[in-house]
C-alpha atoms as a PDB file:
ATOM      1  CA  MET A   1      22.569   7.060  -4.222  1.00  0.00           C
ATOM      2  CA  SER A   2      20.048   6.163  -6.911  1.00  0.00           C
ATOM      3  CA  VAL A   3      20.514   7.530 -10.425  1.00  0.00           C
ATOM      4  CA  ALA A   4      17.693   9.636 -11.874  1.00  0.00           C
ATOM      5  CA  LYS A   5      15.712   7.796 -14.523  1.00  0.00           C
ATOM      6  CA  PRO A   6      15.247   9.693 -17.802  1.00  0.00           C
ATOM      7  CA  ILE A   7      11.664   9.925 -19.007  1.00  0.00           C
ATOM      8  CA  PRO A   8      11.053   7.876 -22.182  1.00  0.00           C
ATOM      9  CA  PRO A   9      10.600  10.252 -25.150  1.00  0.00           C
ATOM     10  CA  VAL A  10       7.361   8.541 -26.217  1.00  0.00           C
ATOM     11  CA  LEU A  11       5.899   9.066 -22.737  1.00  0.00           C
ATOM     12  CA  LEU A  12       6.878  12.734 -22.729  1.00  0.00           C
ATOM     13  CA  GLU A  13       5.390  13.208 -26.192  1.00  0.00           C
ATOM     14  CA  TRP A  14       2.109  11.613 -25.076  1.00  0.00           C
ATOM     15  CA  ALA A  15       1.963  13.742 -21.928  1.00  0.00           C
ATOM     16  CA  GLN A  16       2.543  16.913 -23.943  1.00  0.00           C
ATOM     17  CA  SER A  17      -0.300  15.946 -26.281  1.00  0.00           C
ATOM     18  CA  VAL A  18      -2.549  16.178 -23.220  1.00  0.00           C
ATOM     19  CA  ILE A  19      -1.188  19.152 -21.240  1.00  0.00           C
ATOM     20  CA  GLY A  20       0.934  21.102 -23.692  1.00  0.00           C
ATOM     21  CA  THR A  21       4.646  21.906 -23.608  1.00  0.00           C
ATOM     22  CA  VAL A  22       6.531  20.551 -20.604  1.00  0.00           C
ATOM     23  CA  HIS A  23       9.181  22.911 -19.257  1.00  0.00           C
ATOM     24  CA  LEU A  24      10.764  20.734 -16.571  1.00  0.00           C
ATOM     25  CA  VAL A  25      10.946  16.995 -15.862  1.00  0.00           C
ATOM     26  CA  ARG A  26      11.957  15.580 -12.486  1.00  0.00           C
ATOM     27  CA  ASP A  27      12.301  11.905 -11.588  1.00  0.00           C
ATOM     28  CA  VAL A  28      10.292  11.212  -8.409  1.00  0.00           C
ATOM     29  CA  SER A  29      10.295   7.407  -8.514  1.00  0.00           C
ATOM     30  CA  HIS A  30      10.492   5.326  -5.354  1.00  0.00           C
ATOM     31  CA  GLY A  31      13.805   3.625  -4.657  1.00  0.00           C
ATOM     32  CA  ARG A  32      12.626   0.248  -5.972  1.00  0.00           C
ATOM     33  CA  GLY A  33      13.705  -0.616  -9.508  1.00  0.00           C
ATOM     34  CA  ASN A  34      10.253  -0.935 -11.090  1.00  0.00           C
ATOM     35  CA  SER A  35       9.012   2.466  -9.885  1.00  0.00           C
ATOM     36  CA  ARG A  36       8.886   4.965 -12.771  1.00  0.00           C
ATOM     37  CA  VAL A  37       7.249   8.298 -11.994  1.00  0.00           C
ATOM     38  CA  TRP A  38       8.128  11.793 -13.224  1.00  0.00           C
ATOM     39  CA  GLN A  39       6.907  15.220 -12.150  1.00  0.00           C
ATOM     40  CA  LEU A  40       6.163  17.385 -15.174  1.00  0.00           C
ATOM     41  CA  THR A  41       5.985  21.161 -14.939  1.00  0.00           C
ATOM     42  CA  TYR A  42       4.017  22.939 -17.641  1.00  0.00           C
ATOM     43  CA  ALA A  43       2.464  26.358 -18.194  1.00  0.00           C
ATOM     44  CA  THR A  44      -0.285  26.182 -15.580  1.00  0.00           C
ATOM     45  CA  GLY A  45       1.067  23.774 -12.980  1.00  0.00           C
ATOM     46  CA  ILE A  46       2.413  20.257 -12.490  1.00  0.00           C
ATOM     47  CA  VAL A  47       1.240  16.716 -13.209  1.00  0.00           C
ATOM     48  CA  PHE A  48       2.772  13.291 -12.722  1.00  0.00           C
ATOM     49  CA  ALA A  49       3.472  10.807 -15.499  1.00  0.00           C
ATOM     50  CA  LYS A  50       3.655   7.203 -14.343  1.00  0.00           C
ATOM     51  CA  LEU A  51       4.525   3.960 -16.090  1.00  0.00           C
ATOM     52  CA  ALA A  52       2.896   0.990 -14.372  1.00  0.00           C
ATOM     53  CA  PRO A  53       5.264  -1.946 -13.806  1.00  0.00           C
ATOM     54  CA  SER A  54       2.839  -4.476 -15.311  1.00  0.00           C
ATOM     55  CA  PRO A  55      -0.550  -4.725 -17.064  1.00  0.00           C
ATOM     56  CA  LYS A  56      -2.069  -5.940 -13.782  1.00  0.00           C
ATOM     57  CA  SER A  57      -0.752  -2.892 -11.922  1.00  0.00           C
ATOM     58  CA  PHE A  58      -2.047  -0.611 -14.680  1.00  0.00           C
ATOM     59  CA  SER A  59      -5.483  -2.207 -14.474  1.00  0.00           C
ATOM     60  CA  ARG A  60      -5.596  -1.922 -10.683  1.00  0.00           C
ATOM     61  CA  ASP A  61      -4.393   1.672 -10.722  1.00  0.00           C
ATOM     62  CA  THR A  62      -6.861   2.824 -13.349  1.00  0.00           C
ATOM     63  CA  ARG A  63      -9.834   1.072 -11.766  1.00  0.00           C
ATOM     64  CA  ALA A  64      -9.111   2.599  -8.362  1.00  0.00           C
ATOM     65  CA  LEU A  65      -8.650   6.037  -9.909  1.00  0.00           C
ATOM     66  CA  ARG A  66     -11.861   5.803 -11.920  1.00  0.00           C
ATOM     67  CA  GLU A  67     -14.163   4.057  -9.456  1.00  0.00           C
ATOM     68  CA  VAL A  68     -12.916   4.701  -5.922  1.00  0.00           C
ATOM     69  CA  VAL A  69     -11.080   8.042  -5.890  1.00  0.00           C
ATOM     70  CA  PRO A  70     -14.121  10.082  -7.047  1.00  0.00           C
ATOM     71  CA  GLY A  71     -15.871   9.073  -3.814  1.00  0.00           C
ATOM     72  CA  LEU A  72     -13.069  10.406  -1.601  1.00  0.00           C
ATOM     73  CA  GLU A  73     -12.636  13.876  -0.173  1.00  0.00           C
ATOM     74  CA  PRO A  74     -11.428  16.056  -3.085  1.00  0.00           C
ATOM     75  CA  GLY A  75      -7.685  16.566  -3.197  1.00  0.00           C
ATOM     76  CA  THR A  76      -6.795  13.601  -0.976  1.00  0.00           C
ATOM     77  CA  ALA A  77      -5.839  11.246  -3.835  1.00  0.00           C
ATOM     78  CA  PRO A  78      -4.643  11.833  -7.393  1.00  0.00           C
ATOM     79  CA  LEU A  79      -7.133  12.256 -10.220  1.00  0.00           C
ATOM     80  CA  LEU A  80      -6.674  10.363 -13.459  1.00  0.00           C
ATOM     81  CA  LEU A  81      -6.155  12.912 -16.248  1.00  0.00           C
ATOM     82  CA  ALA A  82      -5.345  10.439 -19.017  1.00  0.00           C
ATOM     83  CA  ALA A  83      -4.319   6.817 -19.501  1.00  0.00           C
ATOM     84  CA  ASP A  84      -2.574   4.984 -22.334  1.00  0.00           C
ATOM     85  CA  PRO A  85      -2.872   1.184 -22.062  1.00  0.00           C
ATOM     86  CA  LEU A  86      -0.334   0.625 -24.837  1.00  0.00           C
ATOM     87  CA  GLN A  87       2.403   2.287 -22.769  1.00  0.00           C
ATOM     88  CA  LEU A  88       0.849   1.344 -19.404  1.00  0.00           C
ATOM     89  CA  ALA A  89       1.025   5.092 -18.805  1.00  0.00           C
ATOM     90  CA  LEU A  90      -1.027   7.294 -16.494  1.00  0.00           C
ATOM     91  CA  LEU A  91      -1.147  11.058 -16.182  1.00  0.00           C
ATOM     92  CA  LEU A  92      -2.106  12.090 -12.667  1.00  0.00           C
ATOM     93  CA  SER A  93      -2.978  15.284 -10.847  1.00  0.00           C
ATOM     94  CA  PRO A  94      -0.835  16.250  -7.839  1.00  0.00           C
ATOM     95  CA  VAL A  95      -1.941  15.759  -4.251  1.00  0.00           C
ATOM     96  CA  SER A  96      -1.075  18.731  -2.070  1.00  0.00           C
ATOM     97  CA  GLY A  97       1.326  18.311   0.789  1.00  0.00           C
ATOM     98  CA  ARG A  98       4.687  16.763   1.556  1.00  0.00           C
ATOM     99  CA  THR A  99       5.512  13.113   2.016  1.00  0.00           C
ATOM    100  CA  VAL A 100       5.092  12.151   5.649  1.00  0.00           C
ATOM    101  CA  LYS A 101       8.527  10.526   5.645  1.00  0.00           C
ATOM    102  CA  SER A 102      10.078  13.955   5.080  1.00  0.00           C
ATOM    103  CA  LEU A 103       8.299  15.609   8.023  1.00  0.00           C
ATOM    104  CA  SER A 104       9.336  15.852  11.663  1.00  0.00           C
ATOM    105  CA  LEU A 105       6.078  15.521  13.566  1.00  0.00           C
ATOM    106  CA  ALA A 106       5.549  15.747  17.303  1.00  0.00           C
ATOM    107  CA  HIS A 107       3.745  12.832  18.980  1.00  0.00           C
ATOM    108  CA  ALA A 108       0.429  14.685  19.022  1.00  0.00           C
ATOM    109  CA  GLU A 109       0.794  15.438  15.307  1.00  0.00           C
ATOM    110  CA  GLN A 110       1.593  11.798  14.591  1.00  0.00           C
ATOM    111  CA  ARG A 111      -1.577  10.722  16.378  1.00  0.00           C
ATOM    112  CA  MET A 112      -3.554  13.256  14.350  1.00  0.00           C
ATOM    113  CA  LEU A 113      -1.960  11.888  11.181  1.00  0.00           C
ATOM    114  CA  HIS A 114      -2.961   8.303  11.971  1.00  0.00           C
ATOM    115  CA  ARG A 115      -6.474   9.372  12.917  1.00  0.00           C
ATOM    116  CA  GLN A 116      -6.796  11.029   9.515  1.00  0.00           C
ATOM    117  CA  ALA A 117      -5.275   7.975   7.827  1.00  0.00           C
ATOM    118  CA  GLY A 118      -7.902   5.758   9.444  1.00  0.00           C
ATOM    119  CA  SER A 119     -10.706   8.023   8.294  1.00  0.00           C
ATOM    120  CA  TRP A 120      -9.328   8.144   4.729  1.00  0.00           C
ATOM    121  CA  LEU A 121      -8.871   4.368   4.546  1.00  0.00           C
ATOM    122  CA  ARG A 122     -12.376   3.577   5.825  1.00  0.00           C
ATOM    123  CA  ARG A 123     -13.792   5.696   3.022  1.00  0.00           C
ATOM    124  CA  PHE A 124     -11.448   4.091   0.476  1.00  0.00           C
ATOM    125  CA  HIS A 125     -12.455   0.600   1.600  1.00  0.00           C
ATOM    126  CA  GLY A 126     -16.121   1.427   1.116  1.00  0.00           C
ATOM    127  CA  SER A 127     -18.886  -0.878   2.305  1.00  0.00           C
ATOM    128  CA  ALA A 128     -19.386  -4.531   1.457  1.00  0.00           C
ATOM    129  CA  GLY A 129     -22.489  -3.562  -0.485  1.00  0.00           C
ATOM    130  CA  GLU A 130     -20.383  -1.495  -2.888  1.00  0.00           C
ATOM    131  CA  LEU A 131     -18.485  -4.592  -4.018  1.00  0.00           C
ATOM    132  CA  SER A 132     -19.824  -6.857  -6.744  1.00  0.00           C
ATOM    133  CA  ALA A 133     -20.190 -10.606  -6.365  1.00  0.00           C
ATOM    134  CA  GLN A 134     -17.016 -10.966  -8.430  1.00  0.00           C
ATOM    135  CA  ASP A 135     -15.212  -8.540  -6.097  1.00  0.00           C
ATOM    136  CA  HIS A 136     -16.169 -10.657  -3.082  1.00  0.00           C
ATOM    137  CA  ALA A 137     -14.950 -13.777  -4.870  1.00  0.00           C
ATOM    138  CA  ASP A 138     -11.709 -11.996  -5.744  1.00  0.00           C
ATOM    139  CA  ALA A 139     -11.269 -10.943  -2.092  1.00  0.00           C
ATOM    140  CA  ASP A 140     -11.681 -14.565  -0.955  1.00  0.00           C
ATOM    141  CA  ALA A 141      -9.197 -15.660  -3.619  1.00  0.00           C
ATOM    142  CA  GLU A 142      -6.645 -13.119  -2.339  1.00  0.00           C
ATOM    143  CA  ILE A 143      -6.781 -14.656   1.137  1.00  0.00           C
ATOM    144  CA  ALA A 144      -6.378 -18.163  -0.272  1.00  0.00           C
ATOM    145  CA  ARG A 145      -3.501 -17.022  -2.483  1.00  0.00           C
ATOM    146  CA  THR A 146      -1.751 -15.314   0.427  1.00  0.00           C
ATOM    147  CA  ALA A 147      -2.092 -18.387   2.636  1.00  0.00           C
ATOM    148  CA  ALA A 148      -0.736 -20.637  -0.107  1.00  0.00           C
ATOM    149  CA  GLY A 149       2.155 -18.235  -0.663  1.00  0.00           C
ATOM    150  CA  GLY A 150       3.763 -19.102   2.660  1.00  0.00           C
ATOM    151  CA  GLU A 151       5.532 -22.150   1.260  1.00  0.00           C
ATOM    152  CA  LYS A 152       6.694 -20.196  -1.770  1.00  0.00           C
ATOM    153  CA  HIS A 153       8.284 -17.575   0.468  1.00  0.00           C
ATOM    154  CA  LEU A 154      10.045 -20.281   2.466  1.00  0.00           C
ATOM    155  CA  ASP A 155      11.311 -22.009  -0.683  1.00  0.00           C
ATOM    156  CA  ARG A 156      12.676 -18.728  -2.012  1.00  0.00           C
ATOM    157  CA  ALA A 157      14.218 -17.800   1.344  1.00  0.00           C
ATOM    158  CA  GLY A 158      16.004 -21.116   1.861  1.00  0.00           C
ATOM    159  CA  ASN A 159      18.292 -20.939   4.908  1.00  0.00           C
ATOM    160  CA  LEU A 160      17.615 -17.213   5.328  1.00  0.00           C
ATOM    161  CA  ILE A 161      14.710 -18.283   7.553  1.00  0.00           C
ATOM    162  CA  GLY A 162      15.602 -20.702  10.338  1.00  0.00           C
ATOM    163  CA  PRO A 163      13.676 -23.800  11.505  1.00  0.00           C
ATOM    164  CA  GLU A 164      11.686 -22.103  14.292  1.00  0.00           C
ATOM    165  CA  ASP A 165      10.679 -19.213  12.075  1.00  0.00           C
ATOM    166  CA  ARG A 166       9.717 -21.617   9.292  1.00  0.00           C
ATOM    167  CA  ARG A 167       7.401 -23.367  11.740  1.00  0.00           C
ATOM    168  CA  THR A 168       5.899 -19.999  12.669  1.00  0.00           C
ATOM    169  CA  VAL A 169       5.254 -19.175   9.004  1.00  0.00           C
ATOM    170  CA  ARG A 170       3.625 -22.542   8.258  1.00  0.00           C
ATOM    171  CA  TRP A 171       1.426 -22.366  11.379  1.00  0.00           C
ATOM    172  CA  HIS A 172       0.111 -18.936  10.457  1.00  0.00           C
ATOM    173  CA  ALA A 173      -0.349 -19.828   6.784  1.00  0.00           C
ATOM    174  CA  ALA A 174      -2.555 -22.751   7.790  1.00  0.00           C
ATOM    175  CA  ALA A 175      -4.492 -20.587  10.246  1.00  0.00           C
ATOM    176  CA  LEU A 176      -5.094 -17.912   7.583  1.00  0.00           C
ATOM    177  CA  GLY A 177      -6.305 -20.536   5.135  1.00  0.00           C
ATOM    178  CA  GLN A 178      -8.848 -21.754   7.695  1.00  0.00           C
ATOM    179  CA  LEU A 179     -10.007 -18.183   8.367  1.00  0.00           C
ATOM    180  CA  GLY A 180     -10.492 -17.618   4.669  1.00  0.00           C
ATOM    181  CA  GLN A 181     -12.597 -20.729   4.302  1.00  0.00           C
ATOM    182  CA  LEU A 182     -14.949 -19.489   7.017  1.00  0.00           C
ATOM    183  CA  GLY A 183     -15.743 -16.424   4.916  1.00  0.00           C
ATOM    184  CA  GLN A 184     -15.953 -14.150   7.966  1.00  0.00           C
ATOM    185  CA  LEU A 185     -13.386 -11.516   6.998  1.00  0.00           C
ATOM    186  CA  PRO A 186     -15.031  -8.241   5.881  1.00  0.00           C
ATOM    187  CA  ALA A 187     -14.034  -7.409   2.330  1.00  0.00           C
ATOM    188  CA  GLY A 188     -13.090  -3.990   1.036  1.00  0.00           C
ATOM    189  CA  TYR A 189     -11.374  -2.255  -1.836  1.00  0.00           C
ATOM    190  CA  VAL A 190      -7.867  -2.080  -0.370  1.00  0.00           C
ATOM    191  CA  HIS A 191      -5.096   0.394  -1.146  1.00  0.00           C
ATOM    192  CA  GLY A 192      -2.544  -2.419  -1.137  1.00  0.00           C
ATOM    193  CA  ASP A 193       0.514  -0.423  -0.011  1.00  0.00           C
ATOM    194  CA  PHE A 194      -0.855   1.678   2.829  1.00  0.00           C
ATOM    195  CA  GLN A 195       2.170   2.975   4.697  1.00  0.00           C
ATOM    196  CA  GLU A 196       3.757   6.305   5.507  1.00  0.00           C
ATOM    197  CA  ARG A 197       5.929   6.457   2.396  1.00  0.00           C
ATOM    198  CA  ASN A 198       2.703   6.797   0.377  1.00  0.00           C
ATOM    199  CA  TRP A 199       1.094   9.377   2.683  1.00  0.00           C
ATOM    200  CA  LEU A 200       1.104  13.121   2.152  1.00  0.00           C
ATOM    201  CA  LEU A 201       0.257  15.837   4.642  1.00  0.00           C
ATOM    202  CA  ASP A 202      -0.578  19.397   3.702  1.00  0.00           C
ATOM    203  CA  THR A 203       0.798  21.403   6.624  1.00  0.00           C
ATOM    204  CA  GLY A 204      -0.547  24.739   5.450  1.00  0.00           C
ATOM    205  CA  PRO A 205      -1.941  27.189   8.019  1.00  0.00           C
ATOM    206  CA  ALA A 206      -5.566  26.616   7.005  1.00  0.00           C
ATOM    207  CA  ALA A 207      -5.700  22.881   7.743  1.00  0.00           C
ATOM    208  CA  ARG A 208      -3.648  19.733   7.907  1.00  0.00           C
ATOM    209  CA  VAL A 209      -5.033  17.604   5.095  1.00  0.00           C
ATOM    210  CA  PHE A 210      -4.141  13.929   4.658  1.00  0.00           C
ATOM    211  CA  GLY A 211      -3.665  12.367   1.243  1.00  0.00           C
ATOM    212  CA  ALA A 212      -2.433   9.074  -0.171  1.00  0.00           C
ATOM    213  CA  VAL A 213      -0.907   8.048  -3.492  1.00  0.00           C
ATOM    214  CA  ASP A 214       0.366   4.938  -5.325  1.00  0.00           C
ATOM    215  CA  LEU A 215      -2.749   2.864  -6.049  1.00  0.00           C
ATOM    216  CA  GLU A 216      -1.199   0.239  -8.307  1.00  0.00           C
ATOM    217  CA  ARG A 217      -1.882  -2.530  -5.767  1.00  0.00           C
ATOM    218  CA  ALA A 218      -5.481  -1.515  -5.051  1.00  0.00           C
ATOM    219  CA  ARG A 219      -7.952  -4.387  -5.388  1.00  0.00           C
ATOM    220  CA  PRO A 220     -10.734  -6.264  -3.604  1.00  0.00           C
ATOM    221  CA  HIS A 221      -9.294  -8.069  -0.571  1.00  0.00           C
ATOM    222  CA  ALA A 222      -9.980  -8.594   3.095  1.00  0.00           C
ATOM    223  CA  ALA A 223     -10.047  -5.031   4.447  1.00  0.00           C
ATOM    224  CA  VAL A 224      -7.662  -5.941   7.264  1.00  0.00           C
ATOM    225  CA  ALA A 225      -4.901  -6.653   4.728  1.00  0.00           C
ATOM    226  CA  ASP A 226      -4.332  -2.898   4.467  1.00  0.00           C
ATOM    227  CA  LEU A 227      -3.214  -2.752   8.112  1.00  0.00           C
ATOM    228  CA  VAL A 228      -0.296  -5.170   7.855  1.00  0.00           C
ATOM    229  CA  LEU A 229       2.388  -2.609   7.017  1.00  0.00           C
ATOM    230  CA  LEU A 230       1.200  -0.360   9.837  1.00  0.00           C
ATOM    231  CA  ALA A 231       1.047  -3.203  12.370  1.00  0.00           C
ATOM    232  CA  CYS A 232       4.586  -4.247  11.399  1.00  0.00           C
ATOM    233  CA  GLY A 233       5.910  -0.697  11.122  1.00  0.00           C
ATOM    234  CA  SER A 234       4.539   2.543  12.528  1.00  0.00           C
ATOM    235  CA  TRP A 235       2.459   0.918  15.261  1.00  0.00           C
ATOM    236  CA  VAL A 236       5.237  -1.218  16.776  1.00  0.00           C
ATOM    237  CA  GLY A 237       5.882   0.280  20.201  1.00  0.00           C
ATOM    238  CA  ARG A 238       3.292   3.007  19.514  1.00  0.00           C
ATOM    239  CA  PRO A 239      -0.123   1.746  20.643  1.00  0.00           C
ATOM    240  CA  ASP A 240      -1.256   5.379  20.731  1.00  0.00           C
ATOM    241  CA  LEU A 241      -0.927   5.553  16.938  1.00  0.00           C
ATOM    242  CA  GLN A 242      -2.928   2.374  16.512  1.00  0.00           C
ATOM    243  CA  GLU A 243      -5.625   3.705  18.842  1.00  0.00           C
ATOM    244  CA  ALA A 244      -5.759   6.995  16.920  1.00  0.00           C
ATOM    245  CA  PHE A 245      -6.048   5.146  13.614  1.00  0.00           C
ATOM    246  CA  PHE A 246      -9.063   3.154  14.768  1.00  0.00           C
ATOM    247  CA  GLU A 247     -10.690   6.291  16.112  1.00  0.00           C
ATOM    248  CA  GLY A 248     -10.545   7.601  12.564  1.00  0.00           C
ATOM    249  CA  TYR A 249     -11.438   4.243  10.999  1.00  0.00           C
ATOM    250  CA  GLY A 250     -14.651   4.221  12.968  1.00  0.00           C
ATOM    251  CA  ARG A 251     -14.741   0.575  14.020  1.00  0.00           C
ATOM    252  CA  ALA A 252     -12.618  -1.975  15.814  1.00  0.00           C
ATOM    253  CA  LEU A 253     -11.409  -5.162  14.180  1.00  0.00           C
ATOM    254  CA  THR A 254     -13.493  -8.281  14.642  1.00  0.00           C
ATOM    255  CA  ALA A 255     -11.907 -11.227  16.434  1.00  0.00           C
ATOM    256  CA  GLU A 256     -11.436 -12.947  13.060  1.00  0.00           C
ATOM    257  CA  GLU A 257      -9.731  -9.859  11.645  1.00  0.00           C
ATOM    258  CA  GLN A 258      -7.358  -9.698  14.604  1.00  0.00           C
ATOM    259  CA  TRP A 259      -6.266 -13.279  13.913  1.00  0.00           C
ATOM    260  CA  ALA A 260      -6.012 -12.569  10.203  1.00  0.00           C
ATOM    261  CA  LEU A 261      -3.843  -9.510  10.852  1.00  0.00           C
ATOM    262  CA  ARG A 262      -1.420 -11.623  12.853  1.00  0.00           C
ATOM    263  CA  CYS A 263      -1.296 -14.283  10.131  1.00  0.00           C
ATOM    264  CA  LEU A 264      -0.931 -11.772   7.317  1.00  0.00           C
ATOM    265  CA  SER A 265       1.856 -10.027   9.230  1.00  0.00           C
ATOM    266  CA  VAL A 266       3.850 -13.255   9.562  1.00  0.00           C
ATOM    267  CA  LEU A 267       3.443 -14.071   5.876  1.00  0.00           C
ATOM    268  CA  ASP A 268       4.451 -10.523   4.958  1.00  0.00           C
ATOM    269  CA  ALA A 269       7.565 -10.985   7.101  1.00  0.00           C
ATOM    270  CA  ALA A 270       8.512 -14.168   5.237  1.00  0.00           C
ATOM    271  CA  SER A 271       7.986 -12.394   1.933  1.00  0.00           C
ATOM    272  CA  ALA A 272      10.055  -9.412   3.117  1.00  0.00           C
ATOM    273  CA  ILE A 273      13.025 -11.579   4.081  1.00  0.00           C
ATOM    274  CA  SER A 274      12.909 -13.777   0.971  1.00  0.00           C
ATOM    275  CA  TRP A 275      12.803 -10.724  -1.301  1.00  0.00           C
ATOM    276  CA  GLY A 276      14.763  -8.198   0.732  1.00  0.00           C
ATOM    277  CA  VAL A 277      17.994 -10.139   1.288  1.00  0.00           C
ATOM    278  CA  PRO A 278      18.803 -10.886  -2.369  1.00  0.00           C
ATOM    279  CA  ASN A 279      17.694  -7.378  -3.364  1.00  0.00           C
ATOM    280  CA  GLY A 280      19.747  -5.627  -0.682  1.00  0.00           C
ATOM    281  CA  ASP A 281      16.779  -3.967   1.055  1.00  0.00           C
ATOM    282  CA  ASP A 282      17.980  -3.937   4.662  1.00  0.00           C
ATOM    283  CA  GLU A 283      14.986  -1.972   5.947  1.00  0.00           C
ATOM    284  CA  ILE A 284      12.409  -4.473   4.744  1.00  0.00           C
ATOM    285  CA  VAL A 285      14.506  -7.410   5.978  1.00  0.00           C
ATOM    286  CA  GLU A 286      14.807  -5.881   9.440  1.00  0.00           C
ATOM    287  CA  ARG A 287      11.029  -5.371   9.524  1.00  0.00           C
ATOM    288  CA  GLY A 288      10.474  -9.001   8.555  1.00  0.00           C
ATOM    289  CA  ARG A 289      12.854 -10.441  11.140  1.00  0.00           C
ATOM    290  CA  ALA A 290      11.409  -8.237  13.894  1.00  0.00           C
ATOM    291  CA  THR A 291       7.882  -9.361  13.009  1.00  0.00           C
ATOM    292  CA  LEU A 292       8.792 -13.049  13.134  1.00  0.00           C
ATOM    293  CA  ALA A 293      10.534 -12.611  16.470  1.00  0.00           C
ATOM    294  CA  ARG A 294       7.494 -10.796  17.877  1.00  0.00           C
ATOM    295  CA  LEU A 295       4.935 -13.316  16.604  1.00  0.00           C
ATOM    296  CA  GLU A 296       6.840 -16.572  16.931  1.00  0.00           C
ATOM    297  CA  VAL A 297       4.608 -19.539  17.763  1.00  0.00           C
ATOM    298  CA  GLN A 298       5.599 -21.025  21.091  1.00  0.00           C
ATOM    299  CA  ALA A 299       6.296 -24.742  21.163  1.00  0.00           C
ATOM    300  CA  ALA A 300       3.149 -26.728  21.909  1.00  0.00           C
END
């Protein structure tokens, strides 16, 4: 069981300078070590105080909150109430609903959830015309970086990844690099960690409203990169969820995006194994091994 992280006094003092006296503090961080988020209760409601794990994460989070979130349906993503770059601190409004991971949903409700997720993500991604020339260059660079990262994952994994799986990783890394050079992957402003642990669903009687949080990995990238965690997780064995998602997303993947999704999934699997084993994350390791087994390149 994880131990609750105490809020740093300087962070609490800063938050209170914005919202007034805080009456209750609750640690709501994710299980990973660098997640630091607290729910603060004050006179008129609650807010969330977050410490970004790095300057890059802080920059990504704040840009997404300032430039992308205002264009979404109100209440479906947190609003930025204040930011302190010296502390890498953000003060965020709550998003109504409960985490999807904590809900028991029937199959029809799960399909509805993924349809809403697709609709939300399409709006978050925006159109290519909304990205600057620098954003498009950054998106291309992300693909190149991801392709080049295959060897790094293998080096870090060592004998945790066997010879056949290593061949699978290298084959897909090369294929992704070629796809990136063609420049045919639609770019978007991606969420970066789009999976059910970051989804909320308001199950009130009026409506079932989808929301998403945790934007610290948001950035320009190939739009299809946001589908990797779904393709390797929720959608495995559930083609109905994938179909519902694309109904909400409003378009099918291009042939190039389908290939890129396969390649990105394999590289994510290598990363998951190389990081998950030494860090004791059995869930992410299992996901990585299952992905490699499913997408193994057959001998030529």
